[in-house]
Amino acid sequence: MTDFSAKAFADVLFEDIDLDAADLSGKEFDQCTFRRCKLPQSLWMGARLEECVFETCDLSRMRPTGMALMGVTFRDTRLSGVEWSDLGLLPAVSFFDCDLRYASFEKLRLRSTSFVNCAAREANFVEVDLTRADFTDTDLWGSTFRGCVLQETDFTRASGVFFDPQQNRVKGVRISLETAVTLVQSYGIVVE
């Protein structure tokens, strides 16, 4: 299906669509699957997605301003350069095997969100509640965490993890021994 002229879609498979800068503003998608869709720079202003799955898609530099995400899963999807900060309230989203390089997350509540096996180099997390978020096998080299709630966040198998404990709430954060040594050394402490 390639026709996006309707306002609402339920239980639809969108497959092999190639539309640069598509305007999907105000659309509603319920239990839809997007497979191998190329929608870079697409506009999703005020769109509502519930229980949708994106598989092997290219959504790089998409614009999700006001987008409502309820039970949405992104798998093996390119989401580089996306500014996620203006999502609708309380997004429920998961990322598996995704490209999140240069993405920006600001002032969001992403509790228990999965960022599993993702490339999130140089991503920005500013004032984000990441309580119980899972970063298993995610590459975070060069990423920024500032003013975040990292309580019980799992970074034990993530690589390139660095955050300033004085600029984030870190009670119960889970990190690897390697990350602990890096954090301690950043304060000028010698570990022997």
N, C-alpha and C. Protein backbone atom coordinates (compact mmCIF):
# COMPACT_ATOMS: atom_id res chain seq x y z
N MET A 1 0.85 -1.18 0.00
CA MET A 1 0.00 0.00 0.00
C MET A 1 0.89 1.24 0.00
N THR A 2 0.63 2.19 -0.87
CA THR A 2 1.44 3.40 -0.94
C THR A 2 0.61 4.67 -0.86
N ASP A 3 -0.69 4.57 -0.74
CA ASP A 3 -1.55 5.73 -0.71
C ASP A 3 -1.76 6.19 0.73
N PHE A 4 -1.25 7.37 1.05
CA PHE A 4 -1.40 7.93 2.40
C PHE A 4 -2.48 9.00 2.44
N SER A 5 -3.42 8.99 1.50
CA SER A 5 -4.42 10.06 1.43
C SER A 5 -5.47 9.96 2.55
N ALA A 6 -5.70 8.77 3.09
CA ALA A 6 -6.67 8.63 4.19
C ALA A 6 -6.10 9.26 5.46
N LYS A 7 -6.98 9.55 6.42
CA LYS A 7 -6.53 10.13 7.69
C LYS A 7 -6.12 9.06 8.69
N ALA A 8 -6.78 7.90 8.66
CA ALA A 8 -6.51 6.86 9.64
C ALA A 8 -6.30 5.51 8.95
N PHE A 9 -5.39 4.73 9.53
CA PHE A 9 -5.06 3.40 9.00
C PHE A 9 -5.04 2.42 10.16
N ALA A 10 -5.65 1.25 9.98
CA ALA A 10 -5.64 0.22 11.01
C ALA A 10 -5.22 -1.11 10.40
N ASP A 11 -4.23 -1.75 11.05
CA ASP A 11 -3.77 -3.08 10.65
C ASP A 11 -3.37 -3.14 9.16
N VAL A 12 -2.57 -2.16 8.74
CA VAL A 12 -2.14 -2.07 7.35
C VAL A 12 -0.64 -2.36 7.27
N LEU A 13 -0.22 -3.09 6.25
CA LEU A 13 1.19 -3.33 5.97
C LEU A 13 1.64 -2.35 4.89
N PHE A 14 2.58 -1.48 5.24
CA PHE A 14 3.19 -0.58 4.27
C PHE A 14 4.55 -1.18 3.93
N GLU A 15 4.77 -1.53 2.68
CA GLU A 15 5.97 -2.27 2.32
C GLU A 15 6.65 -1.65 1.10
N ASP A 16 8.01 -1.53 1.18
CA ASP A 16 8.83 -1.08 0.05
C ASP A 16 8.38 0.28 -0.50
N ILE A 17 8.00 1.19 0.37
CA ILE A 17 7.62 2.54 -0.04
C ILE A 17 8.87 3.41 -0.07
N ASP A 18 8.99 4.24 -1.08
CA ASP A 18 10.14 5.14 -1.21
C ASP A 18 9.62 6.54 -1.49
N LEU A 19 9.52 7.36 -0.42
CA LEU A 19 8.99 8.72 -0.53
C LEU A 19 9.83 9.68 0.31
N ASP A 20 10.66 10.46 -0.34
CA ASP A 20 11.44 11.48 0.36
C ASP A 20 10.52 12.58 0.85
N ALA A 21 10.74 13.03 2.09
CA ALA A 21 10.03 14.18 2.66
C ALA A 21 8.50 14.03 2.61
N ALA A 22 8.00 12.81 2.80
CA ALA A 22 6.55 12.58 2.81
C ALA A 22 5.92 13.33 3.98
N ASP A 23 4.74 13.88 3.78
CA ASP A 23 4.03 14.60 4.84
C ASP A 23 2.93 13.69 5.40
N LEU A 24 3.19 13.16 6.60
CA LEU A 24 2.24 12.26 7.26
C LEU A 24 1.63 12.94 8.49
N SER A 25 1.65 14.24 8.50
CA SER A 25 1.13 15.03 9.62
C SER A 25 -0.34 14.72 9.87
N GLY A 26 -0.68 14.59 11.16
CA GLY A 26 -2.07 14.39 11.55
C GLY A 26 -2.65 13.02 11.25
N LYS A 27 -1.87 12.12 10.67
CA LYS A 27 -2.36 10.77 10.34
C LYS A 27 -2.39 9.91 11.60
N GLU A 28 -3.26 8.91 11.59
CA GLU A 28 -3.36 7.96 12.70
C GLU A 28 -3.07 6.56 12.17
N PHE A 29 -2.16 5.87 12.85
CA PHE A 29 -1.78 4.51 12.47
C PHE A 29 -1.97 3.60 13.68
N ASP A 30 -2.81 2.59 13.54
CA ASP A 30 -3.10 1.66 14.63
C ASP A 30 -2.74 0.24 14.18
N GLN A 31 -1.80 -0.38 14.87
CA GLN A 31 -1.35 -1.75 14.58
C GLN A 31 -0.88 -1.91 13.13
N CYS A 32 -0.15 -0.92 12.64
CA CYS A 32 0.38 -0.97 11.28
C CYS A 32 1.84 -1.41 11.30
N THR A 33 2.28 -1.99 10.20
CA THR A 33 3.67 -2.40 10.04
C THR A 33 4.25 -1.69 8.84
N PHE A 34 5.42 -1.08 9.05
CA PHE A 34 6.16 -0.43 7.98
C PHE A 34 7.40 -1.28 7.73
N ARG A 35 7.51 -1.86 6.55
CA ARG A 35 8.62 -2.78 6.24
C ARG A 35 9.39 -2.29 5.01
N ARG A 36 10.69 -2.11 5.18
CA ARG A 36 11.59 -1.66 4.11
C ARG A 36 11.09 -0.36 3.46
N CYS A 37 10.60 0.54 4.27
CA CYS A 37 10.11 1.82 3.76
C CYS A 37 11.21 2.87 3.86
N LYS A 38 11.36 3.65 2.81
CA LYS A 38 12.32 4.75 2.78
C LYS A 38 11.53 6.04 2.87
N LEU A 39 11.56 6.65 4.07
CA LEU A 39 10.82 7.88 4.32
C LEU A 39 11.72 8.92 4.98
N PRO A 40 12.92 9.16 4.40
CA PRO A 40 13.81 10.15 5.02
C PRO A 40 13.21 11.54 4.95
N GLN A 41 13.50 12.32 5.99
CA GLN A 41 13.03 13.70 6.10
C GLN A 41 11.50 13.80 6.09
N SER A 42 10.82 12.72 6.44
CA SER A 42 9.36 12.75 6.47
C SER A 42 8.87 13.59 7.65
N LEU A 43 7.70 14.17 7.49
CA LEU A 43 7.09 15.04 8.49
C LEU A 43 5.92 14.31 9.14
N TRP A 44 5.98 14.17 10.48
CA TRP A 44 4.97 13.42 11.23
C TRP A 44 4.28 14.32 12.26
N MET A 45 4.14 15.59 11.99
CA MET A 45 3.59 16.54 12.96
C MET A 45 2.19 16.12 13.42
N GLY A 46 2.06 15.89 14.74
CA GLY A 46 0.77 15.53 15.31
C GLY A 46 0.26 14.16 14.93
N ALA A 47 1.09 13.33 14.28
CA ALA A 47 0.65 11.98 13.93
C ALA A 47 0.52 11.13 15.20
N ARG A 48 -0.35 10.14 15.14
CA ARG A 48 -0.59 9.25 16.29
C ARG A 48 -0.34 7.82 15.85
N LEU A 49 0.60 7.15 16.53
CA LEU A 49 0.92 5.75 16.21
C LEU A 49 0.71 4.89 17.45
N GLU A 50 -0.07 3.83 17.28
CA GLU A 50 -0.33 2.93 18.39
C GLU A 50 -0.06 1.49 17.96
N GLU A 51 0.79 0.82 18.74
CA GLU A 51 1.15 -0.59 18.49
C GLU A 51 1.64 -0.81 17.05
N CYS A 52 2.49 0.09 16.57
CA CYS A 52 3.05 -0.03 15.22
C CYS A 52 4.48 -0.55 15.27
N VAL A 53 4.93 -1.14 14.17
CA VAL A 53 6.28 -1.67 14.06
C VAL A 53 6.91 -1.15 12.77
N PHE A 54 8.15 -0.68 12.90
CA PHE A 54 8.95 -0.27 11.75
C PHE A 54 10.10 -1.26 11.63
N GLU A 55 10.23 -1.92 10.47
CA GLU A 55 11.27 -2.93 10.26
C GLU A 55 12.10 -2.55 9.03
N THR A 56 13.41 -2.44 9.23
CA THR A 56 14.35 -2.18 8.13
C THR A 56 13.92 -0.97 7.30
N CYS A 57 13.62 0.12 7.99
CA CYS A 57 13.19 1.35 7.32
C CYS A 57 14.29 2.41 7.38
N ASP A 58 14.16 3.42 6.54
CA ASP A 58 15.04 4.59 6.59
C ASP A 58 14.16 5.79 6.92
N LEU A 59 14.29 6.25 8.17
CA LEU A 59 13.54 7.42 8.63
C LEU A 59 14.52 8.50 9.07
N SER A 60 15.71 8.51 8.49
CA SER A 60 16.72 9.48 8.89
C SER A 60 16.19 10.91 8.71
N ARG A 61 16.53 11.72 9.71
CA ARG A 61 16.14 13.14 9.74
C ARG A 61 14.63 13.35 9.64
N MET A 62 13.84 12.35 10.02
CA MET A 62 12.39 12.56 10.07
C MET A 62 12.08 13.62 11.12
N ARG A 63 10.91 14.23 11.03
CA ARG A 63 10.52 15.29 11.96
C ARG A 63 9.25 14.87 12.71
N PRO A 64 9.42 14.34 13.94
CA PRO A 64 8.28 13.82 14.69
C PRO A 64 7.64 14.81 15.66
N THR A 65 7.56 16.08 15.29
CA THR A 65 7.02 17.10 16.18
C THR A 65 5.58 16.77 16.59
N GLY A 66 5.37 16.63 17.89
CA GLY A 66 4.04 16.34 18.40
C GLY A 66 3.54 14.93 18.13
N MET A 67 4.41 14.08 17.63
CA MET A 67 4.03 12.70 17.30
C MET A 67 3.75 11.91 18.59
N ALA A 68 2.63 11.22 18.64
CA ALA A 68 2.27 10.38 19.80
C ALA A 68 2.67 8.94 19.50
N LEU A 69 3.48 8.37 20.37
CA LEU A 69 3.95 6.98 20.20
C LEU A 69 3.48 6.14 21.37
N MET A 70 2.63 5.16 21.08
CA MET A 70 2.12 4.27 22.12
C MET A 70 2.38 2.83 21.71
N GLY A 71 3.37 2.21 22.33
CA GLY A 71 3.69 0.83 22.00
C GLY A 71 4.31 0.67 20.63
N VAL A 72 5.17 1.60 20.23
CA VAL A 72 5.79 1.58 18.90
C VAL A 72 7.19 0.97 19.00
N THR A 73 7.51 0.09 18.05
CA THR A 73 8.81 -0.57 18.02
C THR A 73 9.51 -0.27 16.70
N PHE A 74 10.78 0.15 16.82
CA PHE A 74 11.63 0.35 15.65
C PHE A 74 12.68 -0.75 15.65
N ARG A 75 12.77 -1.52 14.55
CA ARG A 75 13.76 -2.60 14.42
C ARG A 75 14.59 -2.37 13.16
N ASP A 76 15.92 -2.46 13.35
CA ASP A 76 16.83 -2.35 12.20
C ASP A 76 16.46 -1.16 11.32
N THR A 77 16.22 -0.02 11.96
CA THR A 77 15.75 1.17 11.26
C THR A 77 16.72 2.32 11.42
N ARG A 78 16.92 3.05 10.34
CA ARG A 78 17.82 4.19 10.36
C ARG A 78 17.06 5.42 10.84
N LEU A 79 17.49 5.95 11.99
CA LEU A 79 16.84 7.10 12.62
C LEU A 79 17.89 8.16 12.96
N SER A 80 18.93 8.24 12.15
CA SER A 80 20.01 9.18 12.44
C SER A 80 19.55 10.62 12.25
N GLY A 81 20.06 11.49 13.13
CA GLY A 81 19.77 12.91 13.03
C GLY A 81 18.36 13.32 13.37
N VAL A 82 17.62 12.45 14.05
CA VAL A 82 16.22 12.78 14.39
C VAL A 82 16.18 13.58 15.70
N GLU A 83 15.42 14.64 15.69
CA GLU A 83 15.18 15.47 16.87
C GLU A 83 13.89 14.97 17.53
N TRP A 84 14.05 14.14 18.58
CA TRP A 84 12.91 13.49 19.25
C TRP A 84 12.28 14.36 20.33
N SER A 85 12.81 15.52 20.59
CA SER A 85 12.46 16.29 21.78
C SER A 85 11.03 16.80 21.83
N ASP A 86 10.35 16.89 20.71
CA ASP A 86 9.00 17.44 20.71
C ASP A 86 7.93 16.37 20.53
N LEU A 87 8.19 15.17 21.03
CA LEU A 87 7.20 14.10 20.95
C LEU A 87 5.99 14.43 21.82
N GLY A 88 4.89 13.75 21.57
CA GLY A 88 3.71 13.88 22.42
C GLY A 88 4.01 13.36 23.82
N LEU A 89 3.12 13.58 24.74
CA LEU A 89 3.32 13.19 26.14
C LEU A 89 3.47 11.67 26.31
N LEU A 90 4.35 11.31 27.21
CA LEU A 90 4.56 9.92 27.64
C LEU A 90 4.72 8.93 26.49
N PRO A 91 5.70 9.11 25.64
CA PRO A 91 5.91 8.15 24.54
C PRO A 91 6.28 6.77 25.07
N ALA A 92 5.73 5.74 24.46
CA ALA A 92 6.08 4.35 24.77
C ALA A 92 6.68 3.78 23.49
N VAL A 93 8.02 3.64 23.48
CA VAL A 93 8.73 3.29 22.26
C VAL A 93 9.92 2.40 22.60
N SER A 94 10.33 1.56 21.65
CA SER A 94 11.49 0.69 21.81
C SER A 94 12.32 0.73 20.55
N PHE A 95 13.64 0.64 20.72
CA PHE A 95 14.57 0.65 19.60
C PHE A 95 15.45 -0.60 19.66
N PHE A 96 15.45 -1.39 18.60
CA PHE A 96 16.28 -2.59 18.52
C PHE A 96 17.09 -2.54 17.22
N ASP A 97 18.42 -2.66 17.32
CA ASP A 97 19.30 -2.69 16.13
C ASP A 97 19.14 -1.45 15.26
N CYS A 98 18.91 -0.29 15.86
CA CYS A 98 18.66 0.93 15.10
C CYS A 98 19.89 1.84 15.03
N ASP A 99 19.91 2.67 14.02
CA ASP A 99 20.93 3.71 13.86
C ASP A 99 20.36 4.99 14.44
N LEU A 100 20.84 5.36 15.63
CA LEU A 100 20.38 6.57 16.32
C LEU A 100 21.50 7.61 16.41
N ARG A 101 22.47 7.51 15.52
CA ARG A 101 23.58 8.46 15.56
C ARG A 101 23.06 9.88 15.36
N TYR A 102 23.64 10.79 16.15
CA TYR A 102 23.33 12.22 16.08
C TYR A 102 21.87 12.53 16.42
N ALA A 103 21.16 11.61 17.02
CA ALA A 103 19.77 11.86 17.45
C ALA A 103 19.79 12.72 18.71
N SER A 104 18.70 13.42 18.95
CA SER A 104 18.60 14.28 20.12
C SER A 104 17.31 14.00 20.87
N PHE A 105 17.48 13.70 22.16
CA PHE A 105 16.34 13.43 23.05
C PHE A 105 16.42 14.49 24.15
N GLU A 106 15.39 15.31 24.30
CA GLU A 106 15.43 16.36 25.30
C GLU A 106 14.08 16.48 25.99
N LYS A 107 14.14 16.53 27.33
CA LYS A 107 12.96 16.74 28.17
C LYS A 107 11.86 15.73 27.87
N LEU A 108 12.24 14.45 27.82
CA LEU A 108 11.28 13.38 27.55
C LEU A 108 11.24 12.42 28.72
N ARG A 109 10.14 11.72 28.86
CA ARG A 109 10.01 10.65 29.85
C ARG A 109 10.07 9.34 29.07
N LEU A 110 11.25 8.69 29.10
CA LEU A 110 11.46 7.44 28.38
C LEU A 110 11.77 6.32 29.36
N ARG A 111 10.96 6.21 30.37
CA ARG A 111 11.14 5.17 31.38
C ARG A 111 10.98 3.78 30.76
N SER A 112 11.87 2.87 31.15
CA SER A 112 11.84 1.47 30.70
C SER A 112 11.95 1.32 29.18
N THR A 113 12.48 2.32 28.51
CA THR A 113 12.66 2.24 27.06
C THR A 113 13.85 1.35 26.73
N SER A 114 13.71 0.51 25.72
CA SER A 114 14.80 -0.33 25.25
C SER A 114 15.54 0.37 24.12
N PHE A 115 16.86 0.49 24.30
CA PHE A 115 17.78 0.94 23.26
C PHE A 115 18.77 -0.22 23.09
N VAL A 116 18.35 -1.29 22.46
CA VAL A 116 19.14 -2.52 22.44
C VAL A 116 19.88 -2.69 21.11
N ASN A 117 21.19 -2.92 21.23
CA ASN A 117 22.06 -3.16 20.06
C ASN A 117 21.95 -2.03 19.02
N CYS A 118 21.93 -0.79 19.51
CA CYS A 118 21.81 0.36 18.62
C CYS A 118 23.15 1.08 18.47
N ALA A 119 23.29 1.81 17.39
CA ALA A 119 24.42 2.71 17.18
C ALA A 119 23.91 4.10 17.56
N ALA A 120 24.32 4.59 18.73
CA ALA A 120 23.83 5.88 19.21
C ALA A 120 25.00 6.83 19.46
N ARG A 121 26.00 6.75 18.59
CA ARG A 121 27.16 7.65 18.74
C ARG A 121 26.73 9.10 18.60
N GLU A 122 27.30 9.92 19.48
CA GLU A 122 27.07 11.36 19.48
C GLU A 122 25.59 11.74 19.57
N ALA A 123 24.82 10.91 20.24
CA ALA A 123 23.43 11.26 20.53
C ALA A 123 23.40 12.15 21.77
N ASN A 124 22.38 12.96 21.88
CA ASN A 124 22.23 13.85 23.03
C ASN A 124 21.02 13.46 23.85
N PHE A 125 21.24 13.28 25.15
CA PHE A 125 20.17 13.00 26.10
C PHE A 125 20.24 14.13 27.13
N VAL A 126 19.29 15.06 27.07
CA VAL A 126 19.29 16.22 27.95
C VAL A 126 17.97 16.28 28.71
N GLU A 127 18.05 16.22 30.03
CA GLU A 127 16.87 16.26 30.90
C GLU A 127 15.85 15.19 30.52
N VAL A 128 16.34 13.97 30.31
CA VAL A 128 15.49 12.84 29.94
C VAL A 128 15.37 11.90 31.13
N ASP A 129 14.17 11.45 31.43
CA ASP A 129 13.97 10.44 32.47
C ASP A 129 14.15 9.07 31.82
N LEU A 130 15.30 8.46 32.09
CA LEU A 130 15.65 7.15 31.54
C LEU A 130 15.62 6.07 32.62
N THR A 131 14.79 6.26 33.63
CA THR A 131 14.65 5.28 34.70
C THR A 131 14.37 3.90 34.12
N ARG A 132 15.17 2.92 34.49
CA ARG A 132 15.05 1.51 34.07
C ARG A 132 15.19 1.31 32.55
N ALA A 133 15.75 2.29 31.83
CA ALA A 133 15.99 2.10 30.39
C ALA A 133 17.09 1.06 30.21
N ASP A 134 17.07 0.37 29.08
CA ASP A 134 18.02 -0.71 28.80
C ASP A 134 18.86 -0.35 27.58
N PHE A 135 20.17 -0.20 27.78
CA PHE A 135 21.10 0.14 26.70
C PHE A 135 22.01 -1.04 26.35
N THR A 136 21.51 -2.26 26.47
CA THR A 136 22.30 -3.45 26.20
C THR A 136 22.89 -3.43 24.79
N ASP A 137 24.21 -3.63 24.72
CA ASP A 137 24.96 -3.73 23.46
C ASP A 137 24.82 -2.49 22.57
N THR A 138 24.57 -1.33 23.17
CA THR A 138 24.45 -0.10 22.40
C THR A 138 25.76 0.70 22.46
N ASP A 139 26.15 1.25 21.32
CA ASP A 139 27.37 2.05 21.18
C ASP A 139 27.02 3.51 21.47
N LEU A 140 27.55 4.03 22.58
CA LEU A 140 27.23 5.39 23.02
C LEU A 140 28.44 6.33 22.96
N TRP A 141 29.46 5.96 22.19
CA TRP A 141 30.66 6.80 22.12
C TRP A 141 30.29 8.22 21.70
N GLY A 142 30.76 9.20 22.50
CA GLY A 142 30.53 10.60 22.18
C GLY A 142 29.15 11.12 22.54
N SER A 143 28.32 10.29 23.14
CA SER A 143 26.97 10.73 23.51
C SER A 143 27.01 11.55 24.79
N THR A 144 26.05 12.45 24.92
CA THR A 144 25.97 13.35 26.06
C THR A 144 24.77 13.00 26.92
N PHE A 145 24.99 12.91 28.23
CA PHE A 145 23.90 12.73 29.19
C PHE A 145 24.01 13.90 30.17
N ARG A 146 23.01 14.79 30.19
CA ARG A 146 23.06 15.96 31.07
C ARG A 146 21.67 16.21 31.65
N GLY A 147 21.61 16.27 32.98
CA GLY A 147 20.35 16.53 33.65
C GLY A 147 19.37 15.37 33.55
N CYS A 148 19.89 14.16 33.32
CA CYS A 148 19.02 12.98 33.13
C CYS A 148 18.78 12.23 34.43
N VAL A 149 17.69 11.51 34.47
CA VAL A 149 17.41 10.58 35.56
C VAL A 149 17.86 9.21 35.04
N LEU A 150 18.92 8.69 35.64
CA LEU A 150 19.49 7.41 35.21
C LEU A 150 19.33 6.35 36.31
N GLN A 151 18.29 6.46 37.08
CA GLN A 151 18.05 5.52 38.18
C GLN A 151 17.68 4.15 37.62
N GLU A 152 18.47 3.16 38.01
CA GLU A 152 18.29 1.76 37.59
C GLU A 152 18.43 1.58 36.08
N THR A 153 19.02 2.56 35.40
CA THR A 153 19.29 2.43 33.96
C THR A 153 20.39 1.39 33.78
N ASP A 154 20.26 0.53 32.78
CA ASP A 154 21.22 -0.55 32.57
C ASP A 154 22.18 -0.22 31.43
N PHE A 155 23.43 0.13 31.82
CA PHE A 155 24.50 0.38 30.86
C PHE A 155 25.56 -0.72 30.93
N THR A 156 25.28 -1.84 31.60
CA THR A 156 26.33 -2.83 31.87
C THR A 156 26.98 -3.39 30.61
N ARG A 157 26.26 -3.52 29.53
CA ARG A 157 26.84 -4.07 28.30
C ARG A 157 26.93 -3.04 27.18
N ALA A 158 26.73 -1.78 27.50
CA ALA A 158 26.87 -0.71 26.50
C ALA A 158 28.34 -0.32 26.38
N SER A 159 28.72 0.22 25.23
CA SER A 159 30.09 0.67 25.05
C SER A 159 30.13 2.18 24.91
N GLY A 160 31.26 2.77 25.33
CA GLY A 160 31.44 4.22 25.20
C GLY A 160 30.59 5.03 26.17
N VAL A 161 30.17 4.42 27.26
CA VAL A 161 29.30 5.11 28.22
C VAL A 161 30.10 6.13 29.03
N PHE A 162 29.64 7.35 29.06
CA PHE A 162 30.24 8.36 29.93
C PHE A 162 29.16 9.37 30.31
N PHE A 163 29.07 9.65 31.60
CA PHE A 163 28.17 10.69 32.10
C PHE A 163 28.77 11.23 33.37
N ASP A 164 28.46 12.46 33.69
CA ASP A 164 28.93 13.09 34.91
C ASP A 164 27.91 12.81 36.01
N PRO A 165 28.29 12.05 37.05
CA PRO A 165 27.35 11.76 38.12
C PRO A 165 26.83 13.02 38.83
N GLN A 166 27.57 14.12 38.74
CA GLN A 166 27.13 15.37 39.38
C GLN A 166 26.08 16.10 38.54
N GLN A 167 25.96 15.75 37.26
CA GLN A 167 24.99 16.41 36.39
C GLN A 167 23.77 15.54 36.09
N ASN A 168 23.72 14.36 36.69
CA ASN A 168 22.62 13.42 36.44
C ASN A 168 22.24 12.75 37.75
N ARG A 169 21.00 12.28 37.83
CA ARG A 169 20.57 11.50 39.00
C ARG A 169 20.89 10.04 38.69
N VAL A 170 21.81 9.45 39.47
CA VAL A 170 22.37 8.16 39.10
C VAL A 170 22.15 7.03 40.12
N LYS A 171 21.32 7.24 41.10
CA LYS A 171 21.11 6.22 42.12
C LYS A 171 20.63 4.91 41.47
N GLY A 172 21.40 3.85 41.69
CA GLY A 172 21.02 2.54 41.17
C GLY A 172 21.38 2.30 39.72
N VAL A 173 22.08 3.26 39.06
CA VAL A 173 22.48 3.05 37.68
C VAL A 173 23.41 1.83 37.62
N ARG A 174 23.29 1.04 36.57
CA ARG A 174 24.11 -0.17 36.43
C ARG A 174 25.12 0.06 35.32
N ILE A 175 26.42 -0.06 35.67
CA ILE A 175 27.49 0.15 34.71
C ILE A 175 28.50 -0.99 34.82
N SER A 176 29.32 -1.12 33.78
CA SER A 176 30.37 -2.14 33.81
C SER A 176 31.56 -1.64 34.62
N LEU A 177 32.45 -2.54 34.99
CA LEU A 177 33.66 -2.17 35.70
C LEU A 177 34.49 -1.20 34.85
N GLU A 178 34.56 -1.45 33.55
CA GLU A 178 35.32 -0.57 32.64
C GLU A 178 34.77 0.85 32.68
N THR A 179 33.46 1.00 32.67
CA THR A 179 32.83 2.32 32.73
C THR A 179 33.11 2.97 34.08
N ALA A 180 33.05 2.19 35.15
CA ALA A 180 33.32 2.72 36.49
C ALA A 180 34.73 3.30 36.56
N VAL A 181 35.70 2.58 36.00
CA VAL A 181 37.09 3.05 36.00
C VAL A 181 37.20 4.35 35.20
N THR A 182 36.56 4.42 34.04
CA THR A 182 36.59 5.63 33.21
C THR A 182 35.99 6.81 33.96
N LEU A 183 34.87 6.60 34.64
CA LEU A 183 34.24 7.70 35.40
C LEU A 183 35.14 8.17 36.52
N VAL A 184 35.74 7.24 37.25
CA VAL A 184 36.63 7.60 38.36
C VAL A 184 37.86 8.35 37.83
N GLN A 185 38.44 7.88 36.72
CA GLN A 185 39.61 8.54 36.15
C GLN A 185 39.29 9.95 35.66
N SER A 186 38.04 10.20 35.26
CA SER A 186 37.67 11.53 34.78
C SER A 186 37.78 12.57 35.89
N TYR A 187 37.78 12.12 37.15
CA TYR A 187 37.94 13.02 38.29
C TYR A 187 39.39 13.14 38.70
N GLY A 188 40.30 12.59 37.90
CA GLY A 188 41.73 12.69 38.20
C GLY A 188 42.22 11.66 39.19
N ILE A 189 41.38 10.69 39.49
CA ILE A 189 41.76 9.64 40.44
C ILE A 189 42.53 8.57 39.70
N VAL A 190 43.64 8.14 40.28
CA VAL A 190 44.47 7.11 39.65
C VAL A 190 44.00 5.74 40.13
N VAL A 191 43.67 4.87 39.19
CA VAL A 191 43.25 3.51 39.53
C VAL A 191 44.41 2.58 39.20
N GLU A 192 44.87 1.83 40.21
CA GLU A 192 46.00 0.91 39.98
C GLU A 192 45.58 -0.52 40.16
